[in-house]
Every structure is written in C-alpha cells, then in structure tokens.
C-alpha cells in the first residue's frame, strides 16, 4: 500500500498528503495548550510522531486522510484538514486543525471546503460529519460556514474518552450550497 500522490490547490493553500517534513510544525501545534485543547491535548514529540505515522498509515490503508495544508505565500505548514474515518468513528468525517499563527484567516474553511469537494466528488461520499467539542466555538463557526449543522447527536471518540457534538450535511446539500 502506498500513499497516493494527490495535490489540491485553492487560491491560498496547497493540500497534499503528509510526510516527515510535517513533524516539526506538528510538534509545535501539539505543544501549544490552546491549539491542542480539542484534539487530544498537549503531546510530547514521541506521541506526535505516532499521530503523524497514524495519519500517513490512514492514507496507505484507506487511500485518503488528513491533508497537510501549506500556505502558498510562505510555503509553511499551516495545519491539516481532510477526510478521516479511523476504526470506531461514527461516520466519515472531514476535520481540520490550523496552526495558531495561521488562524483567523479563513484557512480552516478554505481547506475543509476543498477536502469536502474531494470527498464528495472523488471518494463518492454521500454525507460528511465534523466531530466538534461543545466548547470549540471556532470549529463550530467553521462548520456553519461550510453549511453543516449540529445534528443533535453526540459521539464518544474511540480511544480518546471525550464526547463531542456531531455536525454534518449531505452531498446534495453541499452541492446545492456550492451552486448558489
């Protein structure tokens, strides 16, 4: 199994499968208490290494996964976003994490929208969810901008011991919003 060679470009971003050059910037994000609060908490480099290996492995096993998000202007790693469906997840998800120095620029929305286009168009998904902690107001705002709504369901994240709200929408709703 091999990681596909996929690149998605948006006006300001490049989305590509992750690789080892992403390790140091991921370590920086996961060392930041605020940035890591809703994605497993602060992690030492040893756990970040395992997370990166799991993301790359997800690509190898499923043929898709979180993209590394690069800022076109600087070439810097700006975060991760993309389709994600590990064992124990309630459904196919598109998630996002943006590095603190790139937050507040709309990168999460731009990257997640590109990932949703790809998941619906290329992977053939018929719906998508976003798993968002109730206190994560910025991610809830991104989900709303994407046209997703809180379904009223809650899910416990397998292996994380945290309960989150399930947001989402159908492919038909997404396509109708994109045409409008």
Protein backbone atom coordinates (compact mmCIF):
# COMPACT_ATOMS: atom_id res chain seq x y z
CA UNK A 1 0.00 0.00 0.00
CA UNK A 2 1.25 3.41 -0.94
CA UNK A 3 0.20 6.96 -0.19
CA UNK A 4 -1.37 8.47 -3.31
CA UNK A 5 0.29 11.44 -4.97
CA UNK A 6 -2.55 13.96 -4.71
CA UNK A 7 -2.30 17.74 -4.64
CA UNK A 8 -5.28 20.07 -4.29
CA UNK A 9 -4.80 23.78 -4.75
CA UNK A 10 -7.07 26.55 -3.54
CA UNK A 11 -6.47 30.28 -4.03
CA UNK A 12 -4.23 30.45 -0.94
CA UNK A 13 -3.44 26.87 0.02
CA UNK A 14 -1.88 23.62 -1.15
CA UNK A 15 -3.30 20.40 0.29
CA UNK A 16 -1.09 17.33 -0.02
CA UNK A 17 -0.66 14.01 1.77
CA UNK A 18 1.51 14.41 4.88
CA UNK A 19 5.13 13.34 5.15
CA UNK A 20 8.05 13.66 7.56
CA UNK A 21 8.66 17.36 6.83
CA UNK A 22 5.42 17.98 8.76
CA UNK A 23 6.76 16.53 12.01
CA UNK A 24 8.35 19.68 13.48
CA UNK A 25 5.40 22.00 12.73
CA UNK A 26 3.00 19.37 14.09
CA UNK A 27 5.11 19.21 17.25
CA UNK A 28 4.77 22.98 17.62
CA UNK A 29 0.97 22.82 17.31
CA UNK A 30 0.67 19.89 19.70
CA UNK A 31 2.90 21.66 22.25
CA UNK A 32 0.55 24.66 22.28
CA UNK A 33 -2.05 24.17 25.02
CA UNK A 34 -4.70 26.27 23.30
CA UNK A 35 -4.19 24.74 19.85
CA UNK A 36 -4.16 21.16 21.19
CA UNK A 37 -7.04 21.56 23.63
CA UNK A 38 -9.71 19.91 21.47
CA UNK A 39 -7.52 17.44 19.56
CA UNK A 40 -6.16 15.27 22.33
CA UNK A 41 -4.32 17.84 24.44
CA UNK A 42 -0.64 18.72 24.59
CA UNK A 43 1.57 15.89 23.33
CA UNK A 44 5.31 15.29 23.50
CA UNK A 45 7.18 14.69 20.24
CA UNK A 46 7.00 10.90 20.75
CA UNK A 47 3.19 10.99 20.60
CA UNK A 48 3.18 13.49 17.73
CA UNK A 49 5.39 11.04 15.82
CA UNK A 50 2.81 8.31 16.40
CA UNK A 51 0.00 10.62 15.30
CA UNK A 52 1.82 11.54 12.11
CA UNK A 53 2.52 7.85 11.45
CA UNK A 54 -1.18 7.08 12.01
CA UNK A 55 -2.23 9.81 9.57
CA UNK A 56 0.21 8.54 6.93
CA UNK A 57 -0.96 4.99 7.66
CA UNK A 58 -4.58 6.03 7.20
CA UNK A 59 -3.63 7.28 3.73
CA UNK A 60 -1.88 3.98 2.96
CA UNK A 61 -4.77 1.83 4.21
CA UNK A 62 -7.80 3.85 3.10
CA UNK A 63 -6.34 5.83 0.19
CA UNK A 64 -7.27 9.13 1.84
CA UNK A 65 -6.74 11.02 5.07
CA UNK A 66 -5.83 14.36 6.54
CA UNK A 67 -4.02 16.54 4.06
CA UNK A 68 -1.15 18.71 5.17
CA UNK A 69 -2.16 22.29 4.47
CA UNK A 70 0.54 24.63 3.19
CA UNK A 71 0.28 28.40 2.93
CA UNK A 72 1.12 29.23 -0.71
CA UNK A 73 2.60 32.63 0.14
CA UNK A 74 5.18 31.31 2.61
CA UNK A 75 5.35 27.58 1.82
CA UNK A 76 4.90 26.92 5.55
CA UNK A 77 2.83 24.12 7.07
CA UNK A 78 -0.41 25.79 8.15
CA UNK A 79 -2.25 22.76 9.53
CA UNK A 80 -4.14 19.71 8.45
CA UNK A 81 -7.60 19.14 7.01
CA UNK A 82 -9.33 16.35 5.23
CA UNK A 83 -11.32 13.16 5.17
CA UNK A 84 -10.86 10.87 8.14
CA UNK A 85 -12.52 7.60 9.11
CA UNK A 86 -10.50 5.57 11.60
CA UNK A 87 -11.83 2.44 13.26
CA UNK A 88 -14.51 3.26 15.81
CA UNK A 89 -15.52 6.60 14.25
CA UNK A 90 -19.27 7.16 13.91
CA UNK A 91 -19.07 8.02 10.19
CA UNK A 92 -16.85 9.59 7.53
CA UNK A 93 -15.53 12.91 8.80
CA UNK A 94 -13.84 15.96 7.34
CA UNK A 95 -11.83 17.58 10.09
CA UNK A 96 -9.34 20.43 10.42
CA UNK A 97 -6.62 21.82 12.65
CA UNK A 98 -4.94 25.11 11.78
CA UNK A 99 -1.65 26.21 13.35
CA UNK A 100 -2.13 29.20 15.68
CA UNK A 101 -0.18 31.67 13.54
CA UNK A 102 -2.48 30.95 10.59
CA UNK A 103 -5.78 31.07 12.49
CA UNK A 104 -8.28 33.82 11.82
CA UNK A 105 -7.60 33.95 8.07
CA UNK A 106 -10.31 31.56 6.88
CA UNK A 107 -7.82 28.78 6.15
CA UNK A 108 -9.85 26.13 8.02
CA UNK A 109 -12.92 26.90 5.94
CA UNK A 110 -10.96 27.05 2.68
CA UNK A 111 -9.09 23.80 3.33
CA UNK A 112 -12.14 21.93 4.64
CA UNK A 113 -14.24 23.05 1.66
CA UNK A 114 -11.60 21.74 -0.75
CA UNK A 115 -11.44 18.47 1.21
CA UNK A 116 -15.24 18.16 1.14
CA UNK A 117 -15.31 18.74 -2.62
CA UNK A 118 -12.73 15.95 -2.95
CA UNK A 119 -14.51 13.58 -0.54
CA UNK A 120 -17.87 14.02 -2.27
CA UNK A 121 -16.52 14.14 -5.83
CA UNK A 122 -13.61 11.70 -5.81
CA UNK A 123 -14.34 9.39 -2.89
CA UNK A 124 -18.09 9.31 -3.59
CA UNK A 125 -19.15 10.06 -0.03
CA UNK A 126 -22.87 10.78 0.34
CA UNK A 127 -22.58 12.66 3.63
CA UNK A 128 -19.92 14.07 5.90
CA UNK A 129 -19.65 14.77 9.60
CA UNK A 130 -17.45 17.00 11.73
CA UNK A 131 -16.82 15.93 15.32
CA UNK A 132 -16.63 19.09 17.41
CA UNK A 133 -16.31 19.52 21.17
CA UNK A 134 -19.17 21.65 22.52
CA UNK A 135 -16.69 24.24 23.81
CA UNK A 136 -14.86 24.55 20.49
CA UNK A 137 -16.71 27.61 19.23
CA UNK A 138 -14.23 28.44 16.43
CA UNK A 139 -14.67 24.98 14.85
CA UNK A 140 -18.45 25.23 15.21
CA UNK A 141 -18.23 28.55 13.32
CA UNK A 142 -16.21 26.86 10.55
CA UNK A 143 -18.80 24.07 10.31
CA UNK A 144 -21.57 26.67 9.97
CA UNK A 145 -19.63 28.49 7.22
CA UNK A 146 -19.37 25.16 5.41
CA UNK A 147 -23.15 24.78 5.65
CA UNK A 148 -23.08 21.97 8.19
CA UNK A 149 -25.42 21.88 11.15
CA UNK A 150 -25.32 20.34 14.58
CA UNK A 151 -27.28 17.09 14.19
CA UNK A 152 -28.12 16.93 17.90
CA UNK A 153 -26.23 13.65 18.16
CA UNK A 154 -23.25 13.17 20.43
CA UNK A 155 -20.46 10.63 19.99
CA UNK A 156 -17.65 9.38 22.15
CA UNK A 157 -14.38 9.40 20.25
CA UNK A 158 -13.00 5.88 20.30
CA UNK A 159 -9.75 5.78 22.25
CA UNK A 160 -9.92 9.42 23.38
CA UNK A 161 -12.52 9.25 26.14
CA UNK A 162 -14.12 12.53 25.05
CA UNK A 163 -17.68 13.16 23.91
CA UNK A 164 -18.28 15.54 21.00
CA UNK A 165 -21.16 17.00 19.04
CA UNK A 166 -21.79 15.53 15.59
CA UNK A 167 -22.17 18.17 12.88
CA UNK A 168 -22.73 17.35 9.23
CA UNK A 169 -24.53 17.56 5.93
CA UNK A 170 -25.36 15.53 2.85
CA UNK A 171 -23.63 15.65 -0.51
CA UNK A 172 -26.81 17.03 -2.06
CA UNK A 173 -26.95 19.92 0.44
CA UNK A 174 -23.24 20.63 -0.11
CA UNK A 175 -23.62 20.71 -3.89
CA UNK A 176 -26.69 22.94 -3.69
CA UNK A 177 -24.77 25.43 -1.49
CA UNK A 178 -21.77 25.37 -3.83
CA UNK A 179 -24.01 26.13 -6.84
CA UNK A 180 -25.79 29.00 -5.06
